[in-house]
């Protein structure tokens, strides 16, 4: 490794667009403690001029960074800027990239849905699917949270060409999955002690889920019957996925453990799993059961870390040749 490369990967300068929201806040929490990152700017139109800790109050004492305002182009033109994260709402990333000029040396990691179809030169950023493609990319489309959980539940089957029938999914997410903006279904009085389904069989993440399975299993055309649930808790996703399987439980475990052996964040558990094992971490835990010719896969992730900002940092690490888990050795609450 030459001295220039060594200097680069040990002092990355990173900018965040849309830094006042949930995913922007999670990025800040991870990156302020990342051993190879300096945060060049945290941009927010709504919070411009305010200290970051005035919005993300838990960061008091961790950073004196102030939210930047409307004048974005000079921030992007900084000579030592290495990458930006786009954390604005869906549809905003495309507008941003159409409006502003990015130096060719600045890499982009987008957390919206805008480029998950791999248009405009973006690479779909699920490391367990295409780690090597991510390493050589300049633009990453970070996967959706439900998509990440469901894809990690099924990738080993697709890789082995073993999806033989419909895939059935019931998955529940915490309230942070809806973003920071208030709506009728995010207020505490509605969400607390309550549960509901939404976008059954039509959820927007189905497009990227089907695309992902097709990358591994040629000709994949089976229905993915997905029923999402709103949970009455803050963060975390539990996806219960089942499909026809002709093997034994031992064969399924061997298949999954072999597939994920080289991936630092996805682990197959022989014991039943629960959300507190992975909340606040970048981990995905998978548990398998076989019942009457059906394989039941339970997959759990934190929707804001492995489902969003943590995976975005994982992608950044791969882009710049850093250890994949740099800055992501995070602790779960457990109880």
Protein backbone atom coordinates (compact mmCIF):
# COMPACT_ATOMS: atom_id res chain seq x y z
CA UNK A 1 0.00 0.00 0.00
CA UNK A 2 1.47 3.37 -0.99
CA UNK A 3 1.66 6.26 1.48
CA UNK A 4 -1.13 8.23 -0.24
CA UNK A 5 -3.55 5.30 0.01
CA UNK A 6 -2.55 4.71 3.62
CA UNK A 7 -3.22 8.36 4.48
CA UNK A 8 -6.56 8.29 2.67
CA UNK A 9 -8.03 5.26 4.37
CA UNK A 10 -6.95 6.44 7.79
CA UNK A 11 -8.42 9.94 7.51
CA UNK A 12 -11.62 9.82 5.46
CA UNK A 13 -13.55 13.09 5.30
CA UNK A 14 -17.26 12.41 5.15
CA UNK A 15 -20.32 14.60 4.59
CA UNK A 16 -23.93 13.84 5.50
CA UNK A 17 -26.91 15.32 3.65
CA UNK A 18 -30.13 15.15 5.67
CA UNK A 19 -28.29 14.74 8.95
CA UNK A 20 -31.13 15.75 11.28
CA UNK A 21 -33.33 12.69 10.69
CA UNK A 22 -33.18 9.20 12.16
CA UNK A 23 -30.72 7.72 9.67
CA UNK A 24 -28.58 10.86 9.69
CA UNK A 25 -28.48 10.78 13.47
CA UNK A 26 -27.48 7.13 13.48
CA UNK A 27 -24.68 7.87 11.03
CA UNK A 28 -23.41 10.64 13.30
CA UNK A 29 -23.48 8.34 16.33
CA UNK A 30 -21.43 5.72 14.49
CA UNK A 31 -19.03 8.05 12.70
CA UNK A 32 -18.07 10.23 15.70
CA UNK A 33 -16.44 7.09 17.10
CA UNK A 34 -15.17 5.61 13.83
CA UNK A 35 -11.37 5.28 13.97
CA UNK A 36 -10.86 6.30 10.33
CA UNK A 37 -13.40 9.09 9.81
CA UNK A 38 -13.63 12.84 10.27
CA UNK A 39 -17.08 14.38 9.68
CA UNK A 40 -16.54 17.25 7.27
CA UNK A 41 -20.13 18.49 7.49
CA UNK A 42 -23.62 17.52 8.62
CA UNK A 43 -26.19 19.27 6.46
CA UNK A 44 -29.79 20.03 7.37
CA UNK A 45 -32.05 22.70 5.91
CA UNK A 46 -34.41 22.58 8.87
CA UNK A 47 -31.72 22.72 11.58
CA UNK A 48 -29.10 24.91 9.86
CA UNK A 49 -26.88 26.84 12.28
CA UNK A 50 -27.82 24.75 15.30
CA UNK A 51 -25.41 22.44 17.13
CA UNK A 52 -25.85 18.81 16.15
CA UNK A 53 -26.45 17.94 19.81
CA UNK A 54 -29.45 20.30 19.92
CA UNK A 55 -31.28 17.83 17.67
CA UNK A 56 -29.50 14.58 18.55
CA UNK A 57 -29.36 15.34 22.25
CA UNK A 58 -27.46 12.17 23.18
CA UNK A 59 -24.44 13.54 21.26
CA UNK A 60 -23.86 16.30 23.81
CA UNK A 61 -20.20 16.01 24.74
CA UNK A 62 -19.36 13.90 21.67
CA UNK A 63 -19.23 16.60 19.01
CA UNK A 64 -19.34 20.38 18.62
CA UNK A 65 -20.39 20.05 14.97
CA UNK A 66 -22.96 22.59 13.73
CA UNK A 67 -25.51 21.80 11.02
CA UNK A 68 -24.63 23.47 7.73
CA UNK A 69 -27.31 25.28 5.71
CA UNK A 70 -28.43 25.89 2.15
CA UNK A 71 -25.08 26.66 0.51
CA UNK A 72 -24.17 23.06 -0.32
CA UNK A 73 -21.91 23.30 -3.38
CA UNK A 74 -18.87 24.73 -1.48
CA UNK A 75 -19.16 21.80 0.95
CA UNK A 76 -19.05 19.35 -1.94
CA UNK A 77 -16.09 21.10 -3.52
CA UNK A 78 -13.79 20.63 -0.52
CA UNK A 79 -10.58 19.16 -1.90
CA UNK A 80 -10.25 16.52 0.80
CA UNK A 81 -13.88 15.29 0.76
CA UNK A 82 -13.96 11.53 0.15
CA UNK A 83 -17.64 10.54 0.35
CA UNK A 84 -21.14 11.73 1.16
CA UNK A 85 -24.13 9.94 2.62
CA UNK A 86 -27.57 10.93 1.30
CA UNK A 87 -30.13 10.59 4.11
CA UNK A 88 -33.01 12.68 2.78
CA UNK A 89 -36.44 11.34 1.92
CA UNK A 90 -37.23 9.03 -0.97
CA UNK A 91 -37.09 10.91 -4.26
CA UNK A 92 -34.78 13.58 -2.83
CA UNK A 93 -31.49 11.86 -3.71
CA UNK A 94 -32.17 11.95 -7.43
CA UNK A 95 -33.10 15.63 -7.18
CA UNK A 96 -29.93 16.33 -5.20
CA UNK A 97 -27.63 14.63 -7.71
CA UNK A 98 -29.39 16.41 -10.59
CA UNK A 99 -28.96 19.80 -8.90
CA UNK A 100 -25.40 19.65 -7.54
CA UNK A 101 -22.07 18.84 -9.14
CA UNK A 102 -19.99 16.23 -7.33
CA UNK A 103 -16.24 15.93 -7.94
CA UNK A 104 -15.40 12.62 -9.59
CA UNK A 105 -13.34 11.65 -6.54
CA UNK A 106 -16.31 11.84 -4.12
CA UNK A 107 -18.14 8.56 -3.55
CA UNK A 108 -21.87 8.44 -2.81
CA UNK A 109 -23.82 6.20 -0.45
CA UNK A 110 -27.56 6.74 -0.84
CA UNK A 111 -29.99 5.54 1.83
CA UNK A 112 -33.15 6.20 -0.18
CA UNK A 113 -35.04 3.98 -2.61
CA UNK A 114 -34.03 6.09 -5.60
CA UNK A 115 -31.26 3.92 -7.07
CA UNK A 116 -31.84 0.46 -5.62
CA UNK A 117 -32.60 -0.77 -9.13
CA UNK A 118 -28.89 -0.08 -9.81
CA UNK A 119 -29.62 2.71 -12.29
CA UNK A 120 -27.22 5.62 -12.88
CA UNK A 121 -24.17 3.51 -12.07
CA UNK A 122 -25.23 2.62 -8.53
CA UNK A 123 -24.37 -0.77 -7.03
CA UNK A 124 -26.87 -2.41 -4.65
CA UNK A 125 -25.12 -2.34 -1.29
CA UNK A 126 -25.90 -5.63 0.42
CA UNK A 127 -22.42 -6.91 1.36
CA UNK A 128 -23.57 -10.48 1.88
CA UNK A 129 -24.75 -10.47 -1.73
CA UNK A 130 -22.06 -8.59 -3.65
CA UNK A 131 -19.16 -7.58 -1.47
CA UNK A 132 -16.64 -7.54 -4.34
CA UNK A 133 -18.83 -5.33 -6.55
CA UNK A 134 -19.19 -2.87 -3.66
CA UNK A 135 -15.42 -2.68 -3.22
CA UNK A 136 -15.01 -1.47 -6.80
CA UNK A 137 -17.96 0.91 -6.86
CA UNK A 138 -18.20 4.69 -6.64
CA UNK A 139 -21.94 4.91 -5.92
CA UNK A 140 -23.84 2.65 -3.50
CA UNK A 141 -27.59 2.23 -3.13
CA UNK A 142 -28.08 1.13 0.47
CA UNK A 143 -30.79 -1.57 0.82
CA UNK A 144 -34.09 -0.99 2.57
CA UNK A 145 -34.58 -2.22 6.12
CA UNK A 146 -37.32 -4.80 5.48
CA UNK A 147 -35.47 -5.85 2.33
CA UNK A 148 -32.24 -6.45 4.25
CA UNK A 149 -33.93 -8.66 6.82
CA UNK A 150 -35.87 -10.69 4.26
CA UNK A 151 -32.99 -11.02 1.81
CA UNK A 152 -30.62 -12.26 4.50
CA UNK A 153 -33.25 -14.83 5.46
CA UNK A 154 -33.38 -16.26 1.91
CA UNK A 155 -29.99 -15.62 0.20
CA UNK A 156 -28.52 -19.07 1.00
CA UNK A 157 -31.56 -20.78 -0.54
CA UNK A 158 -31.41 -18.63 -3.67
CA UNK A 159 -27.66 -19.18 -3.98
CA UNK A 160 -28.23 -22.94 -3.98
CA UNK A 161 -31.15 -22.68 -6.43
CA UNK A 162 -33.52 -24.07 -3.80
CA UNK A 163 -36.43 -21.63 -3.97
CA UNK A 164 -39.01 -24.06 -5.36
CA UNK A 165 -42.28 -22.42 -4.32
CA UNK A 166 -43.91 -19.24 -3.02
CA UNK A 167 -42.09 -17.33 -0.28
CA UNK A 168 -44.31 -16.20 2.60
CA UNK A 169 -43.20 -13.36 4.87
CA UNK A 170 -44.67 -11.80 8.00
CA UNK A 171 -42.41 -9.05 9.34
CA UNK A 172 -42.83 -6.45 12.08
CA UNK A 173 -40.88 -3.21 12.41
CA UNK A 174 -40.45 -0.59 15.10
CA UNK A 175 -41.83 2.94 14.86
CA UNK A 176 -38.51 4.44 13.71
CA UNK A 177 -39.00 2.59 10.44
CA UNK A 178 -41.55 5.24 9.48
CA UNK A 179 -39.02 8.07 9.76
CA UNK A 180 -39.00 11.16 11.94
CA UNK A 181 -41.95 13.04 10.42
CA UNK A 182 -45.12 12.60 12.47
CA UNK A 183 -48.17 10.94 10.98
CA UNK A 184 -51.40 9.45 12.26
CA UNK A 185 -49.77 6.04 12.77
CA UNK A 186 -46.57 7.23 14.48
CA UNK A 187 -47.97 9.15 17.45
CA UNK A 188 -47.34 7.42 20.79
CA UNK A 189 -51.04 7.31 21.70
CA UNK A 190 -51.82 5.37 18.51
CA UNK A 191 -48.74 3.17 18.35
CA UNK A 192 -48.49 2.18 22.02
CA UNK A 193 -50.18 -1.14 22.88
CA UNK A 194 -51.24 -1.41 19.25
CA UNK A 195 -50.37 -3.36 16.11
CA UNK A 196 -51.46 -3.10 12.48
CA UNK A 197 -50.57 -4.24 8.98
CA UNK A 198 -49.82 -1.91 6.09
CA UNK A 199 -48.99 -2.21 2.38
CA UNK A 200 -49.75 -5.95 2.43
CA UNK A 201 -48.41 -7.61 -0.76
CA UNK A 202 -47.52 -4.16 -2.20
CA UNK A 203 -44.63 -2.90 -0.05
CA UNK A 204 -42.03 -0.90 -2.00
CA UNK A 205 -39.17 -3.15 -0.84
CA UNK A 206 -40.59 -6.08 -2.84
CA UNK A 207 -38.98 -4.75 -6.01
CA UNK A 208 -35.44 -4.90 -4.65
CA UNK A 209 -36.13 -8.20 -2.85
CA UNK A 210 -37.14 -9.92 -6.09
CA UNK A 211 -34.20 -8.35 -7.93
CA UNK A 212 -31.82 -9.67 -5.28
CA UNK A 213 -33.13 -13.24 -5.40
CA UNK A 214 -32.89 -13.16 -9.19
CA UNK A 215 -29.19 -12.26 -8.97
CA UNK A 216 -28.50 -15.60 -7.25
CA UNK A 217 -31.16 -17.92 -8.64
CA UNK A 218 -31.45 -17.52 -12.39
CA UNK A 219 -35.02 -17.35 -13.61
CA UNK A 220 -36.45 -16.67 -10.14
CA UNK A 221 -40.15 -16.00 -10.64
CA UNK A 222 -41.85 -17.17 -7.46
CA UNK A 223 -44.29 -14.89 -5.61
CA UNK A 224 -43.04 -13.19 -2.45
CA UNK A 225 -46.14 -12.82 -0.27
CA UNK A 226 -45.12 -10.08 2.17
CA UNK A 227 -47.30 -8.80 5.01
CA UNK A 228 -45.59 -5.98 6.98
CA UNK A 229 -46.66 -5.07 10.53
CA UNK A 230 -46.20 -1.93 12.59
CA UNK A 231 -44.93 -2.86 16.05
CA UNK A 232 -45.46 -0.97 19.30
CA UNK A 233 -41.75 -0.54 20.03
CA UNK A 234 -39.05 1.81 18.75
CA UNK A 235 -36.51 -0.14 16.72
CA UNK A 236 -35.87 -3.56 15.28
CA UNK A 237 -37.31 -5.89 12.63
CA UNK A 238 -38.32 -9.51 13.01
CA UNK A 239 -39.08 -11.27 9.73
CA UNK A 240 -40.60 -14.76 9.73
CA UNK A 241 -40.16 -16.33 6.31
CA UNK A 242 -41.26 -19.78 5.18
CA UNK A 243 -41.13 -21.71 1.95
CA UNK A 244 -41.10 -25.34 0.75
CA UNK A 245 -37.88 -27.18 1.54
CA UNK A 246 -37.06 -30.82 0.84
CA UNK A 247 -34.06 -31.21 3.14
CA UNK A 248 -33.52 -31.73 6.86
CA UNK A 249 -32.91 -29.11 9.53
CA UNK A 250 -29.27 -30.19 9.72
CA UNK A 251 -28.89 -29.69 5.96
CA UNK A 252 -30.48 -26.24 6.17
CA UNK A 253 -28.17 -25.19 9.01
CA UNK A 254 -25.11 -26.40 7.13
CA UNK A 255 -26.21 -24.48 4.03
CA UNK A 256 -26.74 -21.25 5.95
CA UNK A 257 -23.65 -21.46 8.13
CA UNK A 258 -21.47 -22.13 5.10
CA UNK A 259 -22.96 -19.20 3.16
CA UNK A 260 -22.42 -16.71 5.99
CA UNK A 261 -19.09 -18.06 7.28
CA UNK A 262 -17.09 -15.18 5.78
CA UNK A 263 -19.53 -12.40 6.71
CA UNK A 264 -18.88 -10.67 10.04
CA UNK A 265 -22.41 -9.49 10.85
CA UNK A 266 -24.80 -12.30 9.87
CA UNK A 267 -24.92 -15.28 12.22
CA UNK A 268 -27.00 -18.46 12.36
CA UNK A 269 -28.30 -19.20 15.85
CA UNK A 270 -29.13 -22.73 17.01
CA UNK A 271 -31.32 -21.20 19.73
CA UNK A 272 -34.51 -19.14 19.28
CA UNK A 273 -33.76 -15.44 18.84
CA UNK A 274 -35.26 -12.14 20.03
CA UNK A 275 -34.87 -8.51 19.03
CA UNK A 276 -32.89 -7.33 22.03
CA UNK A 277 -29.98 -9.46 20.83
CA UNK A 278 -29.43 -7.17 17.85
CA UNK A 279 -30.90 -3.75 18.71
CA UNK A 280 -28.26 -0.98 18.41
CA UNK A 281 -25.95 -3.33 16.46
CA UNK A 282 -25.14 -4.03 12.82
CA UNK A 283 -25.86 -7.73 13.26
CA UNK A 284 -28.41 -10.00 11.65
CA UNK A 285 -29.31 -13.19 13.51
CA UNK A 286 -31.01 -16.03 11.67
CA UNK A 287 -32.81 -19.03 13.21
CA UNK A 288 -34.06 -22.06 11.26
CA UNK A 289 -36.80 -24.64 11.80
CA UNK A 290 -38.19 -27.34 9.50
CA UNK A 291 -41.88 -28.32 9.80
CA UNK A 292 -43.62 -30.73 7.44
CA UNK A 293 -41.57 -29.82 4.39
CA UNK A 294 -41.51 -26.09 5.15
CA UNK A 295 -38.36 -24.19 6.14
CA UNK A 296 -39.13 -21.41 8.64
CA UNK A 297 -36.43 -18.73 8.77
CA UNK A 298 -36.56 -16.06 11.46
CA UNK A 299 -34.36 -13.07 10.71
CA UNK A 300 -33.78 -10.13 13.07
CA UNK A 301 -32.02 -6.81 12.49
CA UNK A 302 -32.07 -3.27 13.84
CA UNK A 303 -33.86 -1.25 11.17
CA UNK A 304 -31.67 1.82 11.79
CA UNK A 305 -28.28 0.08 11.88
CA UNK A 306 -28.05 -3.07 9.74
CA UNK A 307 -31.25 -1.88 8.05
CA UNK A 308 -29.86 1.58 7.26
CA UNK A 309 -26.98 3.59 8.73
CA UNK A 310 -24.84 0.74 10.05
CA UNK A 311 -24.97 -1.03 6.70
CA UNK A 312 -24.14 2.29 5.02
CA UNK A 313 -20.97 2.52 7.14
CA UNK A 314 -20.22 -1.14 6.35
CA UNK A 315 -20.44 -0.20 2.66
CA UNK A 316 -18.18 2.82 3.24
CA UNK A 317 -15.61 0.56 4.87
CA UNK A 318 -15.63 -1.73 1.85
CA UNK A 319 -15.42 1.17 -0.60
CA UNK A 320 -12.23 2.48 1.02
CA UNK A 321 -10.48 -0.78 1.86
CA UNK A 322 -11.07 -0.56 5.61
CA UNK A 323 -11.87 -3.55 7.82
CA UNK A 324 -15.53 -4.33 7.17
CA UNK A 325 -16.43 -4.00 10.85
CA UNK A 326 -14.51 -0.75 11.53
CA UNK A 327 -16.58 1.51 13.76
CA UNK A 328 -19.34 -1.09 13.94
CA UNK A 329 -18.43 -3.13 17.00
CA UNK A 330 -21.61 -2.02 18.71
CA UNK A 331 -23.23 -3.35 21.89
CA UNK A 332 -26.78 -4.70 22.08
CA UNK A 333 -28.89 -3.92 25.19
CA UNK A 334 -29.63 -7.66 25.73
CA UNK A 335 -32.05 -6.89 28.61
